[in-house]
Amino acid sequence: MFDSYKDSIQAYCEEAGIEVPVGFGRHVTGRYAAIDEESSPPKLVATTWPNRKDAVNYLLSLDAGSRVRILDFKDRYELTFDGKASLLRDGSF
């Protein structure tokens, strides 16, 4: 199952022109992935997360105003961070 997330994430990134870092896939790949929108081209964050709580903890560790997209590769939704402790469904991808 986790390999399908890895393959799915890599395929999405290749299609969307998102850079995949060398370290991606060295660990178990979770369903939640982050895209750093401040990089040019946008870049996948090498770490993925199996649950929303871990993804939220990552977002809380970033500087205020950082432009990061969170994607749920199980349900195929982009998620929006409320700035506190929740990820809310946005549009599908």
PDB file of N, CA and C in Angstrom:
ATOM      1  N   MET A   1       0.815  -1.194   0.000  1.00  0.00           N
ATOM      2  CA  MET A   1       0.000   0.000   0.000  1.00  0.00           C
ATOM      3  C   MET A   1       0.857   1.254   0.000  1.00  0.00           C
ATOM      4  N   PHE A   2       1.911   1.273   0.837  1.00  0.00           N
ATOM      5  CA  PHE A   2       2.742   2.467   0.904  1.00  0.00           C
ATOM      6  C   PHE A   2       3.499   2.685  -0.406  1.00  0.00           C
ATOM      7  N   ASP A   3       3.860   1.595  -1.092  1.00  0.00           N
ATOM      8  CA  ASP A   3       4.526   1.756  -2.387  1.00  0.00           C
ATOM      9  C   ASP A   3       3.613   2.466  -3.378  1.00  0.00           C
ATOM     10  N   SER A   4       2.309   2.240  -3.259  1.00  0.00           N
ATOM     11  CA  SER A   4       1.396   2.914  -4.174  1.00  0.00           C
ATOM     12  C   SER A   4       1.388   4.416  -3.925  1.00  0.00           C
ATOM     13  N   TYR A   5       1.564   4.846  -2.669  1.00  0.00           N
ATOM     14  CA  TYR A   5       1.676   6.273  -2.394  1.00  0.00           C
ATOM     15  C   TYR A   5       2.942   6.830  -3.035  1.00  0.00           C
ATOM     16  N   LYS A   6       4.025   6.104  -2.893  1.00  0.00           N
ATOM     17  CA  LYS A   6       5.294   6.569  -3.481  1.00  0.00           C
ATOM     18  C   LYS A   6       5.137   6.735  -4.989  1.00  0.00           C
ATOM     19  N   ASP A   7       4.622   5.723  -5.643  1.00  0.00           N
ATOM     20  CA  ASP A   7       4.447   5.774  -7.097  1.00  0.00           C
ATOM     21  C   ASP A   7       3.484   6.880  -7.497  1.00  0.00           C
ATOM     22  N   SER A   8       2.413   7.013  -6.740  1.00  0.00           N
ATOM     23  CA  SER A   8       1.406   8.033  -7.018  1.00  0.00           C
ATOM     24  C   SER A   8       1.976   9.440  -6.864  1.00  0.00           C
ATOM     25  N   ILE A   9       2.727   9.647  -5.796  1.00  0.00           N
ATOM     26  CA  ILE A   9       3.329  10.954  -5.532  1.00  0.00           C
ATOM     27  C   ILE A   9       4.350  11.298  -6.615  1.00  0.00           C
ATOM     28  N   GLN A  10       5.200  10.340  -6.956  1.00  0.00           N
ATOM     29  CA  GLN A  10       6.205  10.594  -7.997  1.00  0.00           C
ATOM     30  C   GLN A  10       5.549  10.898  -9.343  1.00  0.00           C
ATOM     31  N   ALA A  11       4.533  10.152  -9.702  1.00  0.00           N
ATOM     32  CA  ALA A  11       3.850  10.380 -10.977  1.00  0.00           C
ATOM     33  C   ALA A  11       3.200  11.758 -10.998  1.00  0.00           C
ATOM     34  N   TYR A  12       2.544  12.133  -9.905  1.00  0.00           N
ATOM     35  CA  TYR A  12       1.912  13.450  -9.826  1.00  0.00           C
ATOM     36  C   TYR A  12       2.950  14.555  -9.992  1.00  0.00           C
ATOM     37  N   CYS A  13       4.068  14.421  -9.281  1.00  0.00           N
ATOM     38  CA  CYS A  13       5.112  15.448  -9.334  1.00  0.00           C
ATOM     39  C   CYS A  13       5.703  15.575 -10.739  1.00  0.00           C
ATOM     40  N   GLU A  14       5.982  14.458 -11.373  1.00  0.00           N
ATOM     41  CA  GLU A  14       6.536  14.495 -12.728  1.00  0.00           C
ATOM     42  C   GLU A  14       5.571  15.196 -13.676  1.00  0.00           C
ATOM     43  N   GLU A  15       4.302  14.876 -13.565  1.00  0.00           N
ATOM     44  CA  GLU A  15       3.289  15.457 -14.446  1.00  0.00           C
ATOM     45  C   GLU A  15       3.109  16.956 -14.197  1.00  0.00           C
ATOM     46  N   ALA A  16       3.233  17.368 -12.923  1.00  0.00           N
ATOM     47  CA  ALA A  16       2.992  18.767 -12.554  1.00  0.00           C
ATOM     48  C   ALA A  16       4.258  19.627 -12.576  1.00  0.00           C
ATOM     49  N   GLY A  17       5.403  19.051 -12.921  1.00  0.00           N
ATOM     50  CA  GLY A  17       6.645  19.818 -12.957  1.00  0.00           C
ATOM     51  C   GLY A  17       7.192  20.143 -11.582  1.00  0.00           C
ATOM     52  N   ILE A  18       6.919  19.278 -10.621  1.00  0.00           N
ATOM     53  CA  ILE A  18       7.400  19.458  -9.248  1.00  0.00           C
ATOM     54  C   ILE A  18       8.657  18.616  -9.068  1.00  0.00           C
ATOM     55  N   GLU A  19       9.699  19.241  -8.557  1.00  0.00           N
ATOM     56  CA  GLU A  19      10.968  18.554  -8.355  1.00  0.00           C
ATOM     57  C   GLU A  19      10.851  17.554  -7.210  1.00  0.00           C
ATOM     58  N   VAL A  20      11.380  16.354  -7.418  1.00  0.00           N
ATOM     59  CA  VAL A  20      11.386  15.318  -6.387  1.00  0.00           C
ATOM     60  C   VAL A  20      12.809  15.211  -5.849  1.00  0.00           C
ATOM     61  N   PRO A  21      13.002  15.402  -4.531  1.00  0.00           N
ATOM     62  CA  PRO A  21      14.355  15.359  -3.978  1.00  0.00           C
ATOM     63  C   PRO A  21      14.928  13.940  -3.980  1.00  0.00           C
ATOM     64  N   VAL A  22      16.241  13.854  -3.988  1.00  0.00           N
ATOM     65  CA  VAL A  22      16.928  12.574  -4.009  1.00  0.00           C
ATOM     66  C   VAL A  22      16.515  11.702  -2.820  1.00  0.00           C
ATOM     67  N   GLY A  23      16.292  12.292  -1.655  1.00  0.00           N
ATOM     68  CA  GLY A  23      15.964  11.536  -0.454  1.00  0.00           C
ATOM     69  C   GLY A  23      14.553  10.999  -0.390  1.00  0.00           C
ATOM     70  N   PHE A  24      13.708  11.364  -1.349  1.00  0.00           N
ATOM     71  CA  PHE A  24      12.332  10.889  -1.318  1.00  0.00           C
ATOM     72  C   PHE A  24      12.293   9.380  -1.502  1.00  0.00           C
ATOM     73  N   GLY A  25      11.522   8.724  -0.683  1.00  0.00           N
ATOM     74  CA  GLY A  25      11.352   7.283  -0.819  1.00  0.00           C
ATOM     75  C   GLY A  25      12.348   6.457  -0.036  1.00  0.00           C
ATOM     76  N   ARG A  26      13.247   7.092   0.700  1.00  0.00           N
ATOM     77  CA  ARG A  26      14.200   6.325   1.516  1.00  0.00           C
ATOM     78  C   ARG A  26      13.524   5.720   2.742  1.00  0.00           C
ATOM     79  N   HIS A  27      12.392   6.293   3.116  1.00  0.00           N
ATOM     80  CA  HIS A  27      11.629   5.811   4.257  1.00  0.00           C
ATOM     81  C   HIS A  27      10.234   5.444   3.779  1.00  0.00           C
ATOM     82  N   VAL A  28       9.454   4.866   4.649  1.00  0.00           N
ATOM     83  CA  VAL A  28       8.077   4.523   4.309  1.00  0.00           C
ATOM     84  C   VAL A  28       7.350   5.797   3.862  1.00  0.00           C
ATOM     85  N   THR A  29       6.615   5.696   2.776  1.00  0.00           N
ATOM     86  CA  THR A  29       5.917   6.852   2.224  1.00  0.00           C
ATOM     87  C   THR A  29       4.482   6.886   2.740  1.00  0.00           C
ATOM     88  N   GLY A  30       4.111   8.014   3.368  1.00  0.00           N
ATOM     89  CA  GLY A  30       2.761   8.195   3.884  1.00  0.00           C
ATOM     90  C   GLY A  30       1.846   8.843   2.867  1.00  0.00           C
ATOM     91  N   ARG A  31       0.590   8.937   3.234  1.00  0.00           N
ATOM     92  CA  ARG A  31      -0.417   9.460   2.308  1.00  0.00           C
ATOM     93  C   ARG A  31      -0.403  10.972   2.172  1.00  0.00           C
ATOM     94  N   TYR A  32       0.172  11.689   3.139  1.00  0.00           N
ATOM     95  CA  TYR A  32       0.196  13.152   3.111  1.00  0.00           C
ATOM     96  C   TYR A  32       1.568  13.641   2.657  1.00  0.00           C
ATOM     97  N   ALA A  33       1.567  14.476   1.633  1.00  0.00           N
ATOM     98  CA  ALA A  33       2.808  15.014   1.089  1.00  0.00           C
ATOM     99  C   ALA A  33       2.727  16.534   1.055  1.00  0.00           C
ATOM    100  N   ALA A  34       3.884  17.169   1.183  1.00  0.00           N
ATOM    101  CA  ALA A  34       3.956  18.629   1.152  1.00  0.00           C
ATOM    102  C   ALA A  34       4.752  19.073  -0.066  1.00  0.00           C
ATOM    103  N   ILE A  35       4.285  20.146  -0.670  1.00  0.00           N
ATOM    104  CA  ILE A  35       4.964  20.759  -1.814  1.00  0.00           C
ATOM    105  C   ILE A  35       5.400  22.155  -1.387  1.00  0.00           C
ATOM    106  N   ASP A  36       6.696  22.413  -1.469  1.00  0.00           N
ATOM    107  CA  ASP A  36       7.241  23.734  -1.149  1.00  0.00           C
ATOM    108  C   ASP A  36       7.036  24.629  -2.357  1.00  0.00           C
ATOM    109  N   GLU A  37       6.103  25.554  -2.255  1.00  0.00           N
ATOM    110  CA  GLU A  37       5.754  26.444  -3.356  1.00  0.00           C
ATOM    111  C   GLU A  37       6.714  27.628  -3.486  1.00  0.00           C
ATOM    112  N   GLU A  38       7.610  27.792  -2.513  1.00  0.00           N
ATOM    113  CA  GLU A  38       8.557  28.906  -2.568  1.00  0.00           C
ATOM    114  C   GLU A  38       9.776  28.564  -3.416  1.00  0.00           C
ATOM    115  N   SER A  39       9.998  27.303  -3.687  1.00  0.00           N
ATOM    116  CA  SER A  39      11.103  26.876  -4.542  1.00  0.00           C
ATOM    117  C   SER A  39      10.720  27.095  -5.998  1.00  0.00           C
ATOM    118  N   SER A  40      11.716  27.261  -6.824  1.00  0.00           N
ATOM    119  CA  SER A  40      11.465  27.393  -8.249  1.00  0.00           C
ATOM    120  C   SER A  40      12.338  26.389  -8.990  1.00  0.00           C
ATOM    121  N   PRO A  41      11.775  25.336  -9.546  1.00  0.00           N
ATOM    122  CA  PRO A  41      10.364  24.967  -9.558  1.00  0.00           C
ATOM    123  C   PRO A  41       9.922  24.492  -8.180  1.00  0.00           C
ATOM    124  N   PRO A  42       8.603  24.374  -7.963  1.00  0.00           N
ATOM    125  CA  PRO A  42       8.127  23.853  -6.685  1.00  0.00           C
ATOM    126  C   PRO A  42       8.790  22.499  -6.394  1.00  0.00           C
ATOM    127  N   LYS A  43       8.995  22.205  -5.114  1.00  0.00           N
ATOM    128  CA  LYS A  43       9.733  21.006  -4.738  1.00  0.00           C
ATOM    129  C   LYS A  43       8.971  20.196  -3.690  1.00  0.00           C
ATOM    130  N   LEU A  44       8.940  18.895  -3.893  1.00  0.00           N
ATOM    131  CA  LEU A  44       8.349  17.986  -2.934  1.00  0.00           C
ATOM    132  C   LEU A  44       9.216  17.957  -1.683  1.00  0.00           C
ATOM    133  N   VAL A  45       8.594  18.013  -0.514  1.00  0.00           N
ATOM    134  CA  VAL A  45       9.322  17.842   0.739  1.00  0.00           C
ATOM    135  C   VAL A  45       9.604  16.351   0.860  1.00  0.00           C
ATOM    136  N   ALA A  46      10.844  15.978   1.166  1.00  0.00           N
ATOM    137  CA  ALA A  46      11.268  14.571   1.138  1.00  0.00           C
ATOM    138  C   ALA A  46      10.499  13.688   2.111  1.00  0.00           C
ATOM    139  N   THR A  47      10.049  14.245   3.215  1.00  0.00           N
ATOM    140  CA  THR A  47       9.307  13.474   4.208  1.00  0.00           C
ATOM    141  C   THR A  47       7.825  13.515   3.899  1.00  0.00           C
ATOM    142  N   THR A  48       7.152  12.386   4.056  1.00  0.00           N
ATOM    143  CA  THR A  48       5.694  12.327   3.967  1.00  0.00           C
ATOM    144  C   THR A  48       5.183  11.817   5.307  1.00  0.00           C
ATOM    145  N   TRP A  49       3.866  11.903   5.512  1.00  0.00           N
ATOM    146  CA  TRP A  49       3.310  11.551   6.817  1.00  0.00           C
ATOM    147  C   TRP A  49       2.124  10.612   6.659  1.00  0.00           C
ATOM    148  N   PRO A  50       1.970   9.679   7.614  1.00  0.00           N
ATOM    149  CA  PRO A  50       0.854   8.735   7.543  1.00  0.00           C
ATOM    150  C   PRO A  50      -0.449   9.292   8.099  1.00  0.00           C
ATOM    151  N   ASN A  51      -0.373  10.386   8.882  1.00  0.00           N
ATOM    152  CA  ASN A  51      -1.595  10.929   9.479  1.00  0.00           C
ATOM    153  C   ASN A  51      -1.567  12.453   9.487  1.00  0.00           C
ATOM    154  N   ARG A  52      -2.738  13.032   9.668  1.00  0.00           N
ATOM    155  CA  ARG A  52      -2.883  14.499   9.634  1.00  0.00           C
ATOM    156  C   ARG A  52      -2.092  15.171  10.753  1.00  0.00           C
ATOM    157  N   LYS A  53      -2.071  14.566  11.926  1.00  0.00           N
ATOM    158  CA  LYS A  53      -1.383  15.168  13.073  1.00  0.00           C
ATOM    159  C   LYS A  53       0.088  15.417  12.757  1.00  0.00           C
ATOM    160  N   ASP A  54       0.756  14.457  12.153  1.00  0.00           N
ATOM    161  CA  ASP A  54       2.170  14.631  11.805  1.00  0.00           C
ATOM    162  C   ASP A  54       2.354  15.715  10.747  1.00  0.00           C
ATOM    163  N   ALA A  55       1.449  15.785   9.785  1.00  0.00           N
ATOM    164  CA  ALA A  55       1.521  16.834   8.761  1.00  0.00           C
ATOM    165  C   ALA A  55       1.308  18.208   9.398  1.00  0.00           C
ATOM    166  N   VAL A  56       0.375  18.312  10.337  1.00  0.00           N
ATOM    167  CA  VAL A  56       0.128  19.575  11.046  1.00  0.00           C
ATOM    168  C   VAL A  56       1.358  19.979  11.844  1.00  0.00           C
ATOM    169  N   ASN A  57       1.998  19.026  12.521  1.00  0.00           N
ATOM    170  CA  ASN A  57       3.209  19.342  13.284  1.00  0.00           C
ATOM    171  C   ASN A  57       4.303  19.903  12.373  1.00  0.00           C
ATOM    172  N   TYR A  58       4.417  19.359  11.168  1.00  0.00           N
ATOM    173  CA  TYR A  58       5.379  19.897  10.210  1.00  0.00           C
ATOM    174  C   TYR A  58       5.031  21.345   9.861  1.00  0.00           C
ATOM    175  N   LEU A  59       3.764  21.599   9.568  1.00  0.00           N
ATOM    176  CA  LEU A  59       3.342  22.952   9.201  1.00  0.00           C
ATOM    177  C   LEU A  59       3.557  23.938  10.345  1.00  0.00           C
ATOM    178  N   LEU A  60       3.329  23.498  11.567  1.00  0.00           N
ATOM    179  CA  LEU A  60       3.551  24.371  12.730  1.00  0.00           C
ATOM    180  C   LEU A  60       5.024  24.713  12.915  1.00  0.00           C
ATOM    181  N   SER A  61       5.923  23.866  12.413  1.00  0.00           N
ATOM    182  CA  SER A  61       7.364  24.123  12.550  1.00  0.00           C
ATOM    183  C   SER A  61       7.890  25.129  11.528  1.00  0.00           C
ATOM    184  N   LEU A  62       7.090  25.456  10.519  1.00  0.00           N
ATOM    185  CA  LEU A  62       7.519  26.378   9.466  1.00  0.00           C
ATOM    186  C   LEU A  62       7.371  27.829   9.911  1.00  0.00           C
ATOM    187  N   ASP A  63       8.107  28.707   9.246  1.00  0.00           N
ATOM    188  CA  ASP A  63       7.956  30.142   9.487  1.00  0.00           C
ATOM    189  C   ASP A  63       6.574  30.589   9.013  1.00  0.00           C
ATOM    190  N   ALA A  64       6.034  31.564   9.700  1.00  0.00           N
ATOM    191  CA  ALA A  64       4.731  32.120   9.302  1.00  0.00           C
ATOM    192  C   ALA A  64       4.833  32.644   7.869  1.00  0.00           C
ATOM    193  N   GLY A  65       3.837  32.384   7.091  1.00  0.00           N
ATOM    194  CA  GLY A  65       3.807  32.871   5.718  1.00  0.00           C
ATOM    195  C   GLY A  65       4.460  31.947   4.709  1.00  0.00           C
ATOM    196  N   SER A  66       4.992  30.809   5.148  1.00  0.00           N
ATOM    197  CA  SER A  66       5.575  29.855   4.204  1.00  0.00           C
ATOM    198  C   SER A  66       4.484  29.325   3.291  1.00  0.00           C
ATOM    199  N   ARG A  67       4.815  29.189   2.021  1.00  0.00           N
ATOM    200  CA  ARG A  67       3.837  28.706   1.050  1.00  0.00           C
ATOM    201  C   ARG A  67       4.072  27.220   0.789  1.00  0.00           C
ATOM    202  N   VAL A  68       3.231  26.402   1.415  1.00  0.00           N
ATOM    203  CA  VAL A  68       3.329  24.952   1.301  1.00  0.00           C
ATOM    204  C   VAL A  68       1.944  24.388   1.023  1.00  0.00           C
ATOM    205  N   ARG A  69       1.872  23.494   0.064  1.00  0.00           N
ATOM    206  CA  ARG A  69       0.618  22.786  -0.227  1.00  0.00           C
ATOM    207  C   ARG A  69       0.701  21.398   0.393  1.00  0.00           C
ATOM    208  N   ILE A  70      -0.390  20.950   0.994  1.00  0.00           N
ATOM    209  CA  ILE A  70      -0.467  19.597   1.540  1.00  0.00           C
ATOM    210  C   ILE A  70      -1.463  18.820   0.685  1.00  0.00           C
ATOM    211  N   LEU A  71      -1.036  17.652   0.232  1.00  0.00           N
ATOM    212  CA  LEU A  71      -1.874  16.807  -0.609  1.00  0.00           C
ATOM    213  C   LEU A  71      -2.098  15.461   0.067  1.00  0.00           C
ATOM    214  N   ASP A  72      -3.340  14.997   0.035  1.00  0.00           N
ATOM    215  CA  ASP A  72      -3.709  13.690   0.574  1.00  0.00           C
ATOM    216  C   ASP A  72      -3.804  12.742  -0.617  1.00  0.00           C
ATOM    217  N   PHE A  73      -2.852  11.817  -0.722  1.00  0.00           N
ATOM    218  CA  PHE A  73      -2.801  10.927  -1.873  1.00  0.00           C
ATOM    219  C   PHE A  73      -3.689   9.697  -1.735  1.00  0.00           C
ATOM    220  N   LYS A  74      -4.349   9.537  -0.601  1.00  0.00           N
ATOM    221  CA  LYS A  74      -5.332   8.454  -0.478  1.00  0.00           C
ATOM    222  C   LYS A  74      -6.674   8.918  -1.031  1.00  0.00           C
ATOM    223  N   ASP A  75      -7.148  10.055  -0.539  1.00  0.00           N
ATOM    224  CA  ASP A  75      -8.456  10.571  -0.949  1.00  0.00           C
ATOM    225  C   ASP A  75      -8.370  11.554  -2.116  1.00  0.00           C
ATOM    226  N   ARG A  76      -7.132  11.902  -2.524  1.00  0.00           N
ATOM    227  CA  ARG A  76      -6.879  12.796  -3.661  1.00  0.00           C
ATOM    228  C   ARG A  76      -7.484  14.187  -3.475  1.00  0.00           C
ATOM    229  N   TYR A  77      -7.230  14.763  -2.286  1.00  0.00           N
ATOM    230  CA  TYR A  77      -7.662  16.121  -1.977  1.00  0.00           C
ATOM    231  C   TYR A  77      -6.475  16.975  -1.585  1.00  0.00           C
ATOM    232  N   GLU A  78      -6.525  18.245  -1.978  1.00  0.00           N
ATOM    233  CA  GLU A  78      -5.594  19.216  -1.433  1.00  0.00           C
ATOM    234  C   GLU A  78      -6.182  19.666  -0.104  1.00  0.00           C
ATOM    235  N   LEU A  79      -5.322  19.897   0.878  1.00  0.00           N
ATOM    236  CA  LEU A  79      -5.769  20.285   2.204  1.00  0.00           C
ATOM    237  C   LEU A  79      -5.281  21.685   2.526  1.00  0.00           C
ATOM    238  N   THR A  80      -6.084  22.415   3.274  1.00  0.00           N
ATOM    239  CA  THR A  80      -5.740  23.768   3.692  1.00  0.00           C
ATOM    240  C   THR A  80      -5.527  23.761   5.193  1.00  0.00           C
ATOM    241  N   PHE A  81      -4.434  24.361   5.631  1.00  0.00           N
ATOM    242  CA  PHE A  81      -4.105  24.436   7.052  1.00  0.00           C
ATOM    243  C   PHE A  81      -4.819  25.631   7.664  1.00  0.00           C
ATOM    244  N   ASP A  82      -5.502  25.416   8.785  1.00  0.00           N
ATOM    245  CA  ASP A  82      -6.241  26.505   9.426  1.00  0.00           C
ATOM    246  C   ASP A  82      -5.356  27.389  10.307  1.00  0.00           C
ATOM    247  N   GLY A  83      -4.055  27.086  10.365  1.00  0.00           N
ATOM    248  CA  GLY A  83      -3.120  27.895  11.143  1.00  0.00           C
ATOM    249  C   GLY A  83      -3.008  27.481  12.593  1.00  0.00           C
ATOM    250  N   LYS A  84      -3.808  26.515  13.001  1.00  0.00           N
ATOM    251  CA  LYS A  84      -3.804  26.089  14.402  1.00  0.00           C
ATOM    252  C   LYS A  84      -3.523  24.598  14.528  1.00  0.00           C
ATOM    253  N   ALA A  85      -4.514  23.773  14.232  1.00  0.00           N
ATOM    254  CA  ALA A  85      -4.331  22.344  14.458  1.00  0.00           C
ATOM    255  C   ALA A  85      -5.091  21.454  13.482  1.00  0.00           C
ATOM    256  N   SER A  86      -5.643  22.028  12.436  1.00  0.00           N
ATOM    257  CA  SER A  86      -6.479  21.213  11.536  1.00  0.00           C
ATOM    258  C   SER A  86      -6.122  21.423  10.079  1.00  0.00           C
ATOM    259  N   LEU A  87      -6.324  20.356   9.325  1.00  0.00           N
ATOM    260  CA  LEU A  87      -6.235  20.398   7.880  1.00  0.00           C
ATOM    261  C   LEU A  87      -7.644  20.208   7.340  1.00  0.00           C
ATOM    262  N   LEU A  88      -8.072  21.118   6.497  1.00  0.00           N
ATOM    263  CA  LEU A  88      -9.422  21.096   5.957  1.00  0.00           C
ATOM    264  C   LEU A  88      -9.378  20.738   4.474  1.00  0.00           C
ATOM    265  N   ARG A  89     -10.324  19.937   4.038  1.00  0.00           N
ATOM    266  CA  ARG A  89     -10.385  19.585   2.625  1.00  0.00           C
ATOM    267  C   ARG A  89     -10.637  20.799   1.773  1.00  0.00           C
ATOM    268  N   ASP A  90      -9.866  20.888   0.707  1.00  0.00           N
ATOM    269  CA  ASP A  90     -10.059  21.948  -0.264  1.00  0.00           C
ATOM    270  C   ASP A  90     -10.535  21.259  -1.534  1.00  0.00           C
ATOM    271  N   GLY A  91      -9.921  21.513  -2.644  1.00  0.00           N
ATOM    272  CA  GLY A  91     -10.334  20.883  -3.886  1.00  0.00           C
ATOM    273  C   GLY A  91      -9.639  19.558  -4.113  1.00  0.00           C
ATOM    274  N   SER A  92     -10.209  18.772  -5.007  1.00  0.00           N
ATOM    275  CA  SER A  92      -9.581  17.495  -5.373  1.00  0.00           C
ATOM    276  C   SER A  92      -8.493  17.769  -6.413  1.00  0.00           C
ATOM    277  N   PHE A  93      -7.620  16.810  -6.584  1.00  0.00           N
ATOM    278  CA  PHE A  93      -6.568  16.930  -7.604  1.00  0.00           C
ATOM    279  C   PHE A  93      -6.445  15.641  -8.369  1.00  0.00           C
TER     280      PHE A  93
END
